[in-house]
PDB file of N, CA and C in Angstrom:
ATOM      1  N   MET A   1      91.969 105.549  84.059  1.00  0.00           N
ATOM      2  CA  MET A   1      91.794 105.193  85.453  1.00  0.00           C
ATOM      3  C   MET A   1      90.337 104.831  85.685  1.00  0.00           C
ATOM      4  N   ASN A   2      90.088 103.914  86.551  1.00  0.00           N
ATOM      5  CA  ASN A   2      88.759 103.456  86.896  1.00  0.00           C
ATOM      6  C   ASN A   2      87.957 104.610  87.511  1.00  0.00           C
ATOM      7  N   THR A   3      86.727 104.830  87.036  1.00  0.00           N
ATOM      8  CA  THR A   3      85.892 105.929  87.521  1.00  0.00           C
ATOM      9  C   THR A   3      85.565 105.780  88.998  1.00  0.00           C
ATOM     10  N   LYS A   4      85.263 104.554  89.436  1.00  0.00           N
ATOM     11  CA  LYS A   4      84.957 104.336  90.855  1.00  0.00           C
ATOM     12  C   LYS A   4      86.167 104.663  91.724  1.00  0.00           C
ATOM     13  N   PHE A   5      87.346 104.279  91.265  1.00  0.00           N
ATOM     14  CA  PHE A   5      88.572 104.567  92.013  1.00  0.00           C
ATOM     15  C   PHE A   5      88.796 106.075  92.102  1.00  0.00           C
ATOM     16  N   THR A   6      88.588 106.765  90.980  1.00  0.00           N
ATOM     17  CA  THR A   6      88.748 108.214  90.951  1.00  0.00           C
ATOM     18  C   THR A   6      87.782 108.884  91.926  1.00  0.00           C
ATOM     19  N   MET A   7      86.554 108.443  91.943  1.00  0.00           N
ATOM     20  CA  MET A   7      85.561 109.011  92.859  1.00  0.00           C
ATOM     21  C   MET A   7      85.938 108.744  94.313  1.00  0.00           C
ATOM     22  N   LEU A   8      86.465 107.560  94.595  1.00  0.00           N
ATOM     23  CA  LEU A   8      86.893 107.224  95.944  1.00  0.00           C
ATOM     24  C   LEU A   8      88.016 108.159  96.390  1.00  0.00           C
ATOM     25  N   ILE A   9      89.001 108.363  95.540  1.00  0.00           N
ATOM     26  CA  ILE A   9      90.123 109.243  95.872  1.00  0.00           C
ATOM     27  C   ILE A   9      89.625 110.669  96.091  1.00  0.00           C
ATOM     28  N   LEU A  10      88.761 111.154  95.220  1.00  0.00           N
ATOM     29  CA  LEU A  10      88.220 112.502  95.349  1.00  0.00           C
ATOM     30  C   LEU A  10      87.426 112.648  96.644  1.00  0.00           C
ATOM     31  N   THR A  11      86.622 111.659  96.975  1.00  0.00           N
ATOM     32  CA  THR A  11      85.840 111.688  98.211  1.00  0.00           C
ATOM     33  C   THR A  11      86.747 111.723  99.432  1.00  0.00           C
ATOM     34  N   LEU A  12      87.766 110.860  99.437  1.00  0.00           N
ATOM     35  CA  LEU A  12      88.703 110.839 100.562  1.00  0.00           C
ATOM     36  C   LEU A  12      89.441 112.171 100.688  1.00  0.00           C
ATOM     37  N   PHE A  13      89.803 112.757  99.571  1.00  0.00           N
ATOM     38  CA  PHE A  13      90.473 114.058  99.578  1.00  0.00           C
ATOM     39  C   PHE A  13      89.573 115.118 100.197  1.00  0.00           C
ATOM     40  N   LEU A  14      88.318 115.163  99.773  1.00  0.00           N
ATOM     41  CA  LEU A  14      87.394 116.173 100.286  1.00  0.00           C
ATOM     42  C   LEU A  14      87.100 115.961 101.764  1.00  0.00           C
ATOM     43  N   ILE A  15      86.944 114.704 102.182  1.00  0.00           N
ATOM     44  CA  ILE A  15      86.708 114.415 103.601  1.00  0.00           C
ATOM     45  C   ILE A  15      87.931 114.813 104.416  1.00  0.00           C
ATOM     46  N   GLY A  16      89.104 114.468 103.925  1.00  0.00           N
ATOM     47  CA  GLY A  16      90.340 114.792 104.637  1.00  0.00           C
ATOM     48  C   GLY A  16      90.556 116.284 104.767  1.00  0.00           C
ATOM     49  N   ASN A  17      90.221 117.044 103.745  1.00  0.00           N
ATOM     50  CA  ASN A  17      90.416 118.490 103.784  1.00  0.00           C
ATOM     51  C   ASN A  17      89.328 119.200 104.572  1.00  0.00           C
ATOM     52  N   ASN A  18      88.240 118.507 104.873  1.00  0.00           N
ATOM     53  CA  ASN A  18      87.163 119.097 105.650  1.00  0.00           C
ATOM     54  C   ASN A  18      87.649 119.497 107.040  1.00  0.00           C
ATOM     55  N   GLY A  19      88.670 118.823 107.564  1.00  0.00           N
ATOM     56  CA  GLY A  19      89.199 119.143 108.882  1.00  0.00           C
ATOM     57  C   GLY A  19      89.894 120.488 108.938  1.00  0.00           C
ATOM     58  N   TYR A  20      90.166 121.091 107.803  1.00  0.00           N
ATOM     59  CA  TYR A  20      90.839 122.384 107.786  1.00  0.00           C
ATOM     60  C   TYR A  20      89.874 123.550 107.964  1.00  0.00           C
ATOM     61  N   SER A  21      88.613 123.274 108.054  1.00  0.00           N
ATOM     62  CA  SER A  21      87.679 124.378 108.272  1.00  0.00           C
ATOM     63  C   SER A  21      86.897 124.127 109.557  1.00  0.00           C
ATOM     64  N   GLN A  22      86.719 125.147 110.310  1.00  0.00           N
ATOM     65  CA  GLN A  22      85.946 125.091 111.535  1.00  0.00           C
ATOM     66  C   GLN A  22      84.933 126.227 111.487  1.00  0.00           C
ATOM     67  N   LYS A  23      83.647 125.908 111.447  1.00  0.00           N
ATOM     68  CA  LYS A  23      82.584 126.910 111.461  1.00  0.00           C
ATOM     69  C   LYS A  23      82.779 127.974 110.378  1.00  0.00           C
ATOM     70  N   GLY A  24      83.198 127.553 109.198  1.00  0.00           N
ATOM     71  CA  GLY A  24      83.340 128.478 108.085  1.00  0.00           C
ATOM     72  C   GLY A  24      84.674 129.214 108.048  1.00  0.00           C
ATOM     73  N   ASN A  25      85.502 129.058 109.066  1.00  0.00           N
ATOM     74  CA  ASN A  25      86.822 129.686 109.064  1.00  0.00           C
ATOM     75  C   ASN A  25      87.806 128.715 108.443  1.00  0.00           C
ATOM     76  N   PHE A  26      88.306 129.045 107.283  1.00  0.00           N
ATOM     77  CA  PHE A  26      89.198 128.145 106.584  1.00  0.00           C
ATOM     78  C   PHE A  26      90.626 128.317 107.075  1.00  0.00           C
ATOM     79  N   PHE A  27      91.386 127.278 106.890  1.00  0.00           N
ATOM     80  CA  PHE A  27      92.804 127.274 107.262  1.00  0.00           C
ATOM     81  C   PHE A  27      93.483 128.470 106.619  1.00  0.00           C
ATOM     82  N   ASN A  28      94.079 129.332 107.413  1.00  0.00           N
ATOM     83  CA  ASN A  28      94.673 130.565 106.928  1.00  0.00           C
ATOM     84  C   ASN A  28      96.153 130.319 106.628  1.00  0.00           C
ATOM     85  N   ILE A  29      96.447 130.047 105.387  1.00  0.00           N
ATOM     86  CA  ILE A  29      97.809 129.708 104.980  1.00  0.00           C
ATOM     87  C   ILE A  29      98.759 130.869 105.230  1.00  0.00           C
ATOM     88  N   LYS A  30      98.347 132.086 104.933  1.00  0.00           N
ATOM     89  CA  LYS A  30      99.224 133.241 105.151  1.00  0.00           C
ATOM     90  C   LYS A  30      99.575 133.382 106.623  1.00  0.00           C
ATOM     91  N   ALA A  31      98.605 133.225 107.498  1.00  0.00           N
ATOM     92  CA  ALA A  31      98.876 133.334 108.935  1.00  0.00           C
ATOM     93  C   ALA A  31      99.850 132.257 109.384  1.00  0.00           C
ATOM     94  N   GLN A  32      99.698 131.044 108.867  1.00  0.00           N
ATOM     95  CA  GLN A  32     100.600 129.958 109.240  1.00  0.00           C
ATOM     96  C   GLN A  32     102.004 130.220 108.705  1.00  0.00           C
ATOM     97  N   LEU A  33     102.097 130.726 107.494  1.00  0.00           N
ATOM     98  CA  LEU A  33     103.399 131.047 106.904  1.00  0.00           C
ATOM     99  C   LEU A  33     104.069 132.190 107.665  1.00  0.00           C
ATOM    100  N   ASP A  34     103.292 133.197 108.042  1.00  0.00           N
ATOM    101  CA  ASP A  34     103.826 134.305 108.835  1.00  0.00           C
ATOM    102  C   ASP A  34     104.355 133.807 110.174  1.00  0.00           C
ATOM    103  N   TYR A  35     103.624 132.887 110.798  1.00  0.00           N
ATOM    104  CA  TYR A  35     104.065 132.311 112.070  1.00  0.00           C
ATOM    105  C   TYR A  35     105.382 131.557 111.891  1.00  0.00           C
ATOM    106  N   CYS A  36     105.475 130.783 110.827  1.00  0.00           N
ATOM    107  CA  CYS A  36     106.697 130.029 110.545  1.00  0.00           C
ATOM    108  C   CYS A  36     107.869 130.988 110.337  1.00  0.00           C
ATOM    109  N   ALA A  37     107.661 132.046 109.592  1.00  0.00           N
ATOM    110  CA  ALA A  37     108.718 133.032 109.338  1.00  0.00           C
ATOM    111  C   ALA A  37     109.134 133.719 110.642  1.00  0.00           C
ATOM    112  N   GLU A  38     108.174 134.011 111.482  1.00  0.00           N
ATOM    113  CA  GLU A  38     108.475 134.639 112.778  1.00  0.00           C
ATOM    114  C   GLU A  38     109.332 133.717 113.643  1.00  0.00           C
ATOM    115  N   GLN A  39     108.964 132.426 113.687  1.00  0.00           N
ATOM    116  CA  GLN A  39     109.727 131.471 114.494  1.00  0.00           C
ATOM    117  C   GLN A  39     111.126 131.263 113.912  1.00  0.00           C
ATOM    118  N   ALA A  40     111.230 131.226 112.598  1.00  0.00           N
ATOM    119  CA  ALA A  40     112.540 131.066 111.966  1.00  0.00           C
ATOM    120  C   ALA A  40     113.414 132.286 112.241  1.00  0.00           C
ATOM    121  N   SER A  41     112.831 133.474 112.233  1.00  0.00           N
ATOM    122  CA  SER A  41     113.593 134.691 112.539  1.00  0.00           C
ATOM    123  C   SER A  41     114.120 134.651 113.968  1.00  0.00           C
ATOM    124  N   LYS A  42     113.290 134.205 114.893  1.00  0.00           N
ATOM    125  CA  LYS A  42     113.726 134.077 116.287  1.00  0.00           C
ATOM    126  C   LYS A  42     114.865 133.070 116.403  1.00  0.00           C
ATOM    127  N   THR A  43     114.748 131.983 115.680  1.00  0.00           N
ATOM    128  CA  THR A  43     115.771 130.939 115.726  1.00  0.00           C
ATOM    129  C   THR A  43     117.088 131.444 115.165  1.00  0.00           C
ATOM    130  N   LEU A  44     117.039 132.196 114.083  1.00  0.00           N
ATOM    131  CA  LEU A  44     118.272 132.733 113.488  1.00  0.00           C
ATOM    132  C   LEU A  44     119.070 133.566 114.492  1.00  0.00           C
ATOM    133  N   LYS A  45     118.373 134.222 115.402  1.00  0.00           N
ATOM    134  CA  LYS A  45     119.041 135.080 116.387  1.00  0.00           C
ATOM    135  C   LYS A  45     119.825 134.296 117.436  1.00  0.00           C
ATOM    136  N   VAL A  46     119.498 133.020 117.624  1.00  0.00           N
ATOM    137  CA  VAL A  46     120.152 132.253 118.695  1.00  0.00           C
ATOM    138  C   VAL A  46     121.100 131.171 118.183  1.00  0.00           C
ATOM    139  N   ILE A  47     121.211 131.017 116.876  1.00  0.00           N
ATOM    140  CA  ILE A  47     122.092 129.985 116.332  1.00  0.00           C
ATOM    141  C   ILE A  47     123.541 130.436 116.461  1.00  0.00           C
ATOM    142  N   PRO A  48     124.395 129.592 117.055  1.00  0.00           N
ATOM    143  CA  PRO A  48     125.815 129.954 117.127  1.00  0.00           C
ATOM    144  C   PRO A  48     126.413 130.048 115.723  1.00  0.00           C
ATOM    145  N   ASN A  49     127.414 130.861 115.568  1.00  0.00           N
ATOM    146  CA  ASN A  49     128.065 131.023 114.267  1.00  0.00           C
ATOM    147  C   ASN A  49     129.205 130.009 114.139  1.00  0.00           C
ATOM    148  N   ASP A  50     128.860 128.734 114.252  1.00  0.00           N
ATOM    149  CA  ASP A  50     129.880 127.685 114.232  1.00  0.00           C
ATOM    150  C   ASP A  50     129.555 126.552 113.263  1.00  0.00           C
ATOM    151  N   GLY A  51     128.613 126.811 112.371  1.00  0.00           N
ATOM    152  CA  GLY A  51     128.273 125.799 111.378  1.00  0.00           C
ATOM    153  C   GLY A  51     127.232 124.797 111.836  1.00  0.00           C
ATOM    154  N   THR A  52     126.655 124.997 113.009  1.00  0.00           N
ATOM    155  CA  THR A  52     125.633 124.070 113.487  1.00  0.00           C
ATOM    156  C   THR A  52     124.253 124.550 113.064  1.00  0.00           C
ATOM    157  N   SER A  53     123.304 123.636 113.158  1.00  0.00           N
ATOM    158  CA  SER A  53     121.912 123.926 112.824  1.00  0.00           C
ATOM    159  C   SER A  53     121.021 123.493 113.979  1.00  0.00           C
ATOM    160  N   PRO A  54     119.877 124.142 114.129  1.00  0.00           N
ATOM    161  CA  PRO A  54     118.948 123.738 115.184  1.00  0.00           C
ATOM    162  C   PRO A  54     118.295 122.403 114.845  1.00  0.00           C
ATOM    163  N   ARG A  55     118.139 121.578 115.865  1.00  0.00           N
ATOM    164  CA  ARG A  55     117.498 120.284 115.637  1.00  0.00           C
ATOM    165  C   ARG A  55     116.225 120.141 116.447  1.00  0.00           C
ATOM    166  N   THR A  56     116.311 120.242 117.765  1.00  0.00           N
ATOM    167  CA  THR A  56     115.152 120.013 118.620  1.00  0.00           C
ATOM    168  C   THR A  56     115.203 120.926 119.839  1.00  0.00           C
ATOM    169  N   VAL A  57     114.060 121.025 120.487  1.00  0.00           N
ATOM    170  CA  VAL A  57     113.959 121.654 121.798  1.00  0.00           C
ATOM    171  C   VAL A  57     113.408 120.567 122.707  1.00  0.00           C
ATOM    172  N   SER A  58     114.167 120.207 123.724  1.00  0.00           N
ATOM    173  CA  SER A  58     113.752 119.133 124.633  1.00  0.00           C
ATOM    174  C   SER A  58     112.525 119.539 125.442  1.00  0.00           C
ATOM    175  N   ASN A  59     111.738 118.539 125.849  1.00  0.00           N
ATOM    176  CA  ASN A  59     110.591 118.798 126.713  1.00  0.00           C
ATOM    177  C   ASN A  59     111.042 119.524 127.966  1.00  0.00           C
ATOM    178  N   GLY A  60     110.304 120.538 128.345  1.00  0.00           N
ATOM    179  CA  GLY A  60     110.614 121.294 129.543  1.00  0.00           C
ATOM    180  C   GLY A  60     111.695 122.336 129.349  1.00  0.00           C
ATOM    181  N   SER A  61     112.173 122.514 128.133  1.00  0.00           N
ATOM    182  CA  SER A  61     113.225 123.474 127.847  1.00  0.00           C
ATOM    183  C   SER A  61     112.726 124.493 126.835  1.00  0.00           C
ATOM    184  N   ASN A  62     113.433 125.586 126.732  1.00  0.00           N
ATOM    185  CA  ASN A  62     113.153 126.545 125.666  1.00  0.00           C
ATOM    186  C   ASN A  62     114.427 126.829 124.878  1.00  0.00           C
ATOM    187  N   GLN A  63     115.391 125.914 124.989  1.00  0.00           N
ATOM    188  CA  GLN A  63     116.676 126.066 124.319  1.00  0.00           C
ATOM    189  C   GLN A  63     116.816 125.039 123.200  1.00  0.00           C
ATOM    190  N   TRP A  64     117.313 125.477 122.063  1.00  0.00           N
ATOM    191  CA  TRP A  64     117.563 124.591 120.938  1.00  0.00           C
ATOM    192  C   TRP A  64     118.736 123.662 121.219  1.00  0.00           C
ATOM    193  N   LYS A  65     118.649 122.454 120.710  1.00  0.00           N
ATOM    194  CA  LYS A  65     119.809 121.568 120.621  1.00  0.00           C
ATOM    195  C   LYS A  65     120.337 121.771 119.201  1.00  0.00           C
ATOM    196  N   PHE A  66     121.635 122.032 119.091  1.00  0.00           N
ATOM    197  CA  PHE A  66     122.252 122.265 117.785  1.00  0.00           C
ATOM    198  C   PHE A  66     123.088 121.063 117.380  1.00  0.00           C
ATOM    199  N   VAL A  67     123.134 120.800 116.076  1.00  0.00           N
ATOM    200  CA  VAL A  67     123.875 119.650 115.558  1.00  0.00           C
ATOM    201  C   VAL A  67     124.790 120.099 114.420  1.00  0.00           C
ATOM    202  N   ASN A  68     125.838 119.319 114.184  1.00  0.00           N
ATOM    203  CA  ASN A  68     126.747 119.646 113.087  1.00  0.00           C
ATOM    204  C   ASN A  68     126.273 118.972 111.798  1.00  0.00           C
ATOM    205  N   TYR A  69     127.040 119.151 110.749  1.00  0.00           N
ATOM    206  CA  TYR A  69     126.640 118.667 109.422  1.00  0.00           C
ATOM    207  C   TYR A  69     126.510 117.149 109.336  1.00  0.00           C
ATOM    208  N   LYS A  70     127.103 116.418 110.253  1.00  0.00           N
ATOM    209  CA  LYS A  70     127.050 114.954 110.200  1.00  0.00           C
ATOM    210  C   LYS A  70     125.721 114.384 110.692  1.00  0.00           C
ATOM    211  N   ASP A  71     124.957 115.168 111.429  1.00  0.00           N
ATOM    212  CA  ASP A  71     123.678 114.692 111.960  1.00  0.00           C
ATOM    213  C   ASP A  71     122.685 114.471 110.821  1.00  0.00           C
ATOM    214  N   TRP A  72     121.893 113.429 110.922  1.00  0.00           N
ATOM    215  CA  TRP A  72     120.983 113.082 109.837  1.00  0.00           C
ATOM    216  C   TRP A  72     119.934 114.162 109.594  1.00  0.00           C
ATOM    217  N   THR A  73     119.695 115.050 110.558  1.00  0.00           N
ATOM    218  CA  THR A  73     118.698 116.112 110.386  1.00  0.00           C
ATOM    219  C   THR A  73     119.308 117.425 109.913  1.00  0.00           C
ATOM    220  N   SER A  74     120.599 117.448 109.635  1.00  0.00           N
ATOM    221  CA  SER A  74     121.284 118.708 109.333  1.00  0.00           C
ATOM    222  C   SER A  74     120.744 119.427 108.098  1.00  0.00           C
ATOM    223  N   GLY A  75     120.084 118.747 107.210  1.00  0.00           N
ATOM    224  CA  GLY A  75     119.526 119.389 106.026  1.00  0.00           C
ATOM    225  C   GLY A  75     118.147 119.980 106.233  1.00  0.00           C
ATOM    226  N   PHE A  76     117.515 119.661 107.355  1.00  0.00           N
ATOM    227  CA  PHE A  76     116.149 120.137 107.575  1.00  0.00           C
ATOM    228  C   PHE A  76     116.072 121.655 107.745  1.00  0.00           C
ATOM    229  N   TRP A  77     116.998 122.223 108.516  1.00  0.00           N
ATOM    230  CA  TRP A  77     116.964 123.670 108.741  1.00  0.00           C
ATOM    231  C   TRP A  77     117.182 124.458 107.445  1.00  0.00           C
ATOM    232  N   PRO A  78     118.236 124.168 106.687  1.00  0.00           N
ATOM    233  CA  PRO A  78     118.350 124.909 105.424  1.00  0.00           C
ATOM    234  C   PRO A  78     117.170 124.641 104.497  1.00  0.00           C
ATOM    235  N   GLY A  79     116.616 123.428 104.539  1.00  0.00           N
ATOM    236  CA  GLY A  79     115.448 123.126 103.721  1.00  0.00           C
ATOM    237  C   GLY A  79     114.255 123.990 104.088  1.00  0.00           C
ATOM    238  N   GLU A  80     114.048 124.187 105.390  1.00  0.00           N
ATOM    239  CA  GLU A  80     112.957 125.052 105.836  1.00  0.00           C
ATOM    240  C   GLU A  80     113.177 126.476 105.343  1.00  0.00           C
ATOM    241  N   LEU A  81     114.415 126.934 105.412  1.00  0.00           N
ATOM    242  CA  LEU A  81     114.724 128.287 104.947  1.00  0.00           C
ATOM    243  C   LEU A  81     114.505 128.428 103.441  1.00  0.00           C
ATOM    244  N   TRP A  82     114.857 127.383 102.683  1.00  0.00           N
ATOM    245  CA  TRP A  82     114.590 127.422 101.235  1.00  0.00           C
ATOM    246  C   TRP A  82     113.094 127.478 100.970  1.00  0.00           C
ATOM    247  N   TYR A  83     112.304 126.741 101.743  1.00  0.00           N
ATOM    248  CA  TYR A  83     110.847 126.798 101.569  1.00  0.00           C
ATOM    249  C   TYR A  83     110.312 128.196 101.885  1.00  0.00           C
ATOM    250  N   LEU A  84     110.846 128.833 102.925  1.00  0.00           N
ATOM    251  CA  LEU A  84     110.415 130.193 103.238  1.00  0.00           C
ATOM    252  C   LEU A  84     110.755 131.149 102.096  1.00  0.00           C
ATOM    253  N   TYR A  85     111.926 130.977 101.521  1.00  0.00           N
ATOM    254  CA  TYR A  85     112.297 131.820 100.376  1.00  0.00           C
ATOM    255  C   TYR A  85     111.345 131.569  99.205  1.00  0.00           C
ATOM    256  N   GLU A  86     111.076 130.310  98.941  1.00  0.00           N
ATOM    257  CA  GLU A  86     110.186 129.977  97.822  1.00  0.00           C
ATOM    258  C   GLU A  86     108.790 130.584  98.032  1.00  0.00           C
ATOM    259  N   ALA A  87     108.308 130.532  99.263  1.00  0.00           N
ATOM    260  CA  ALA A  87     106.946 131.000  99.542  1.00  0.00           C
ATOM    261  C   ALA A  87     106.835 132.513  99.597  1.00  0.00           C
ATOM    262  N   THR A  88     107.916 133.188 100.020  1.00  0.00           N
ATOM    263  CA  THR A  88     107.828 134.630 100.233  1.00  0.00           C
ATOM    264  C   THR A  88     108.581 135.460  99.205  1.00  0.00           C
ATOM    265  N   GLY A  89     109.613 134.882  98.605  1.00  0.00           N
ATOM    266  CA  GLY A  89     110.465 135.647  97.696  1.00  0.00           C
ATOM    267  C   GLY A  89     111.403 136.596  98.426  1.00  0.00           C
ATOM    268  N   ASP A  90     111.405 136.538  99.743  1.00  0.00           N
ATOM    269  CA  ASP A  90     112.242 137.418 100.563  1.00  0.00           C
ATOM    270  C   ASP A  90     113.699 136.965 100.483  1.00  0.00           C
ATOM    271  N   LYS A  91     114.561 137.848 100.007  1.00  0.00           N
ATOM    272  CA  LYS A  91     115.983 137.523  99.830  1.00  0.00           C
ATOM    273  C   LYS A  91     116.665 137.154 101.144  1.00  0.00           C
ATOM    274  N   LYS A  92     116.133 137.608 102.262  1.00  0.00           N
ATOM    275  CA  LYS A  92     116.682 137.245 103.578  1.00  0.00           C
ATOM    276  C   LYS A  92     116.726 135.723 103.714  1.00  0.00           C
ATOM    277  N   TRP A  93     115.643 135.076 103.316  1.00  0.00           N
ATOM    278  CA  TRP A  93     115.567 133.616 103.455  1.00  0.00           C
ATOM    279  C   TRP A  93     116.511 132.924 102.488  1.00  0.00           C
ATOM    280  N   GLU A  94     116.656 133.482 101.288  1.00  0.00           N
ATOM    281  CA  GLU A  94     117.587 132.901 100.325  1.00  0.00           C
ATOM    282  C   GLU A  94     119.017 132.964 100.864  1.00  0.00           C
ATOM    283  N   LYS A  95     119.389 134.095 101.413  1.00  0.00           N
ATOM    284  CA  LYS A  95     120.740 134.277 101.958  1.00  0.00           C
ATOM    285  C   LYS A  95     121.005 133.286 103.099  1.00  0.00           C
ATOM    286  N   GLU A  96     120.060 133.185 104.024  1.00  0.00           N
ATOM    287  CA  GLU A  96     120.235 132.283 105.169  1.00  0.00           C
ATOM    288  C   GLU A  96     120.205 130.819 104.736  1.00  0.00           C
ATOM    289  N   ALA A  97     119.339 130.484 103.798  1.00  0.00           N
ATOM    290  CA  ALA A  97     119.260 129.111 103.305  1.00  0.00           C
ATOM    291  C   ALA A  97     120.568 128.700 102.660  1.00  0.00           C
ATOM    292  N   ASP A  98     121.128 129.585 101.855  1.00  0.00           N
ATOM    293  CA  ASP A  98     122.400 129.288 101.207  1.00  0.00           C
ATOM    294  C   ASP A  98     123.514 129.141 102.246  1.00  0.00           C
ATOM    295  N   LYS A  99     123.538 130.025 103.215  1.00  0.00           N
ATOM    296  CA  LYS A  99     124.559 129.969 104.271  1.00  0.00           C
ATOM    297  C   LYS A  99     124.534 128.615 104.984  1.00  0.00           C
ATOM    298  N   PHE A 100     123.352 128.178 105.393  1.00  0.00           N
ATOM    299  CA  PHE A 100     123.261 126.926 106.141  1.00  0.00           C
ATOM    300  C   PHE A 100     123.447 125.710 105.238  1.00  0.00           C
ATOM    301  N   SER A 101     123.112 125.832 103.972  1.00  0.00           N
ATOM    302  CA  SER A 101     123.394 124.744 103.031  1.00  0.00           C
ATOM    303  C   SER A 101     124.898 124.575 102.858  1.00  0.00           C
ATOM    304  N   GLN A 102     125.619 125.679 102.795  1.00  0.00           N
ATOM    305  CA  GLN A 102     127.068 125.625 102.603  1.00  0.00           C
ATOM    306  C   GLN A 102     127.772 124.876 103.736  1.00  0.00           C
ATOM    307  N   PHE A 103     127.202 124.913 104.930  1.00  0.00           N
ATOM    308  CA  PHE A 103     127.797 124.178 106.052  1.00  0.00           C
ATOM    309  C   PHE A 103     127.818 122.670 105.802  1.00  0.00           C
ATOM    310  N   LEU A 104     127.021 122.215 104.843  1.00  0.00           N
ATOM    311  CA  LEU A 104     126.919 120.784 104.553  1.00  0.00           C
ATOM    312  C   LEU A 104     127.894 120.331 103.464  1.00  0.00           C
ATOM    313  N   LYS A 105     128.664 121.241 102.923  1.00  0.00           N
ATOM    314  CA  LYS A 105     129.584 120.896 101.837  1.00  0.00           C
ATOM    315  C   LYS A 105     130.557 119.759 102.169  1.00  0.00           C
ATOM    316  N   PRO A 106     131.025 119.617 103.414  1.00  0.00           N
ATOM    317  CA  PRO A 106     131.921 118.490 103.705  1.00  0.00           C
ATOM    318  C   PRO A 106     131.312 117.131 103.356  1.00  0.00           C
ATOM    319  N   LEU A 107     129.998 117.059 103.292  1.00  0.00           N
ATOM    320  CA  LEU A 107     129.350 115.800 102.906  1.00  0.00           C
ATOM    321  C   LEU A 107     129.698 115.401 101.477  1.00  0.00           C
ATOM    322  N   SER A 108     130.054 116.375 100.649  1.00  0.00           N
ATOM    323  CA  SER A 108     130.345 116.081  99.248  1.00  0.00           C
ATOM    324  C   SER A 108     131.679 115.361  99.064  1.00  0.00           C
ATOM    325  N   VAL A 109     132.511 115.392 100.076  1.00  0.00           N
ATOM    326  CA  VAL A 109     133.807 114.711  99.982  1.00  0.00           C
ATOM    327  C   VAL A 109     133.933 113.586 101.007  1.00  0.00           C
ATOM    328  N   SER A 110     132.799 113.239 101.622  1.00  0.00           N
ATOM    329  CA  SER A 110     132.772 112.156 102.593  1.00  0.00           C
ATOM    330  C   SER A 110     132.092 110.949 101.980  1.00  0.00           C
ATOM    331  N   LYS A 111     132.525 109.781 102.377  1.00  0.00           N
ATOM    332  CA  LYS A 111     131.882 108.554 101.920  1.00  0.00           C
ATOM    333  C   LYS A 111     130.475 108.472 102.512  1.00  0.00           C
ATOM    334  N   ALA A 112     129.508 108.154 101.670  1.00  0.00           N
ATOM    335  CA  ALA A 112     128.132 107.986 102.146  1.00  0.00           C
ATOM    336  C   ALA A 112     128.046 106.694 102.946  1.00  0.00           C
ATOM    337  N   ASN A 113     127.606 106.810 104.167  1.00  0.00           N
ATOM    338  CA  ASN A 113     127.505 105.640 105.033  1.00  0.00           C
ATOM    339  C   ASN A 113     126.100 105.057 105.094  1.00  0.00           C
ATOM    340  N   ASP A 114     125.097 105.843 104.781  1.00  0.00           N
ATOM    341  CA  ASP A 114     123.719 105.364 104.881  1.00  0.00           C
ATOM    342  C   ASP A 114     122.789 106.251 104.054  1.00  0.00           C
ATOM    343  N   HIS A 115     121.509 105.964 104.152  1.00  0.00           N
ATOM    344  CA  HIS A 115     120.513 106.703 103.373  1.00  0.00           C
ATOM    345  C   HIS A 115     120.241 108.101 103.924  1.00  0.00           C
ATOM    346  N   ASP A 116     120.779 108.436 105.077  1.00  0.00           N
ATOM    347  CA  ASP A 116     120.549 109.757 105.666  1.00  0.00           C
ATOM    348  C   ASP A 116     121.081 110.882 104.790  1.00  0.00           C
ATOM    349  N   LEU A 117     121.995 110.572 103.919  1.00  0.00           N
ATOM    350  CA  LEU A 117     122.542 111.569 103.005  1.00  0.00           C
ATOM    351  C   LEU A 117     121.419 112.245 102.209  1.00  0.00           C
ATOM    352  N   GLY A 118     120.390 111.507 101.910  1.00  0.00           N
ATOM    353  CA  GLY A 118     119.251 112.085 101.194  1.00  0.00           C
ATOM    354  C   GLY A 118     118.574 113.186 101.995  1.00  0.00           C
ATOM    355  N   PHE A 119     118.373 112.961 103.306  1.00  0.00           N
ATOM    356  CA  PHE A 119     117.781 113.994 104.159  1.00  0.00           C
ATOM    357  C   PHE A 119     118.683 115.216 104.227  1.00  0.00           C
ATOM    358  N   GLN A 120     119.968 114.977 104.275  1.00  0.00           N
ATOM    359  CA  GLN A 120     120.914 116.080 104.420  1.00  0.00           C
ATOM    360  C   GLN A 120     121.030 116.907 103.141  1.00  0.00           C
ATOM    361  N   ILE A 121     121.117 116.260 101.999  1.00  0.00           N
ATOM    362  CA  ILE A 121     121.380 116.965 100.743  1.00  0.00           C
ATOM    363  C   ILE A 121     120.113 117.419 100.017  1.00  0.00           C
ATOM    364  N   PHE A 122     119.107 116.563  99.926  1.00  0.00           N
ATOM    365  CA  PHE A 122     117.935 116.941  99.143  1.00  0.00           C
ATOM    366  C   PHE A 122     117.109 118.032  99.815  1.00  0.00           C
ATOM    367  N   ASN A 123     117.078 118.049 101.164  1.00  0.00           N
ATOM    368  CA  ASN A 123     116.361 119.120 101.848  1.00  0.00           C
ATOM    369  C   ASN A 123     117.075 120.460 101.741  1.00  0.00           C
ATOM    370  N   SER A 124     118.380 120.432 101.645  1.00  0.00           N
ATOM    371  CA  SER A 124     119.150 121.675 101.584  1.00  0.00           C
ATOM    372  C   SER A 124     119.466 122.052 100.144  1.00  0.00           C
ATOM    373  N   PHE A 125     120.459 121.410  99.556  1.00  0.00           N
ATOM    374  CA  PHE A 125     120.857 121.746  98.184  1.00  0.00           C
ATOM    375  C   PHE A 125     119.757 121.418  97.181  1.00  0.00           C
ATOM    376  N   GLY A 126     119.012 120.358  97.426  1.00  0.00           N
ATOM    377  CA  GLY A 126     117.923 119.995  96.514  1.00  0.00           C
ATOM    378  C   GLY A 126     116.863 121.086  96.444  1.00  0.00           C
ATOM    379  N   ASN A 127     116.449 121.586  97.598  1.00  0.00           N
ATOM    380  CA  ASN A 127     115.464 122.674  97.596  1.00  0.00           C
ATOM    381  C   ASN A 127     116.050 123.960  97.026  1.00  0.00           C
ATOM    382  N   GLY A 128     117.342 124.187  97.279  1.00  0.00           N
ATOM    383  CA  GLY A 128     117.989 125.375  96.724  1.00  0.00           C
ATOM    384  C   GLY A 128     118.065 125.326  95.213  1.00  0.00           C
ATOM    385  N   TYR A 129     118.246 124.125  94.693  1.00  0.00           N
ATOM    386  CA  TYR A 129     118.339 123.952  93.244  1.00  0.00           C
ATOM    387  C   TYR A 129     117.010 124.293  92.597  1.00  0.00           C
TER     388      TYR A 129
END
């Protein structure tokens, strides 16, 4: 690889990562992960037991909009849970990730209509794999 190109990439990387520190306080990954786990735990408490997954919270609301397995975002929630399991090793996240991934199984016997199948399957079963 060209040395000048390598230096340019390294410089851009260092400049870009400089935004993660403010007055010597570096981005606290554990605190951010703990926050994510806390929010996911809260979300698990309000999800209906009907095979749906949380998608969005509308502006001005504090209620989740839930979607079924056919929605193009249906793999995002189990994918997030798989990431939490990977980061923490907590079996709670593995159990929940698997549960929500299983809701997507009907996709395996449905004709693929578009590229959204990648979002649905790779975020869920792909991360689980």
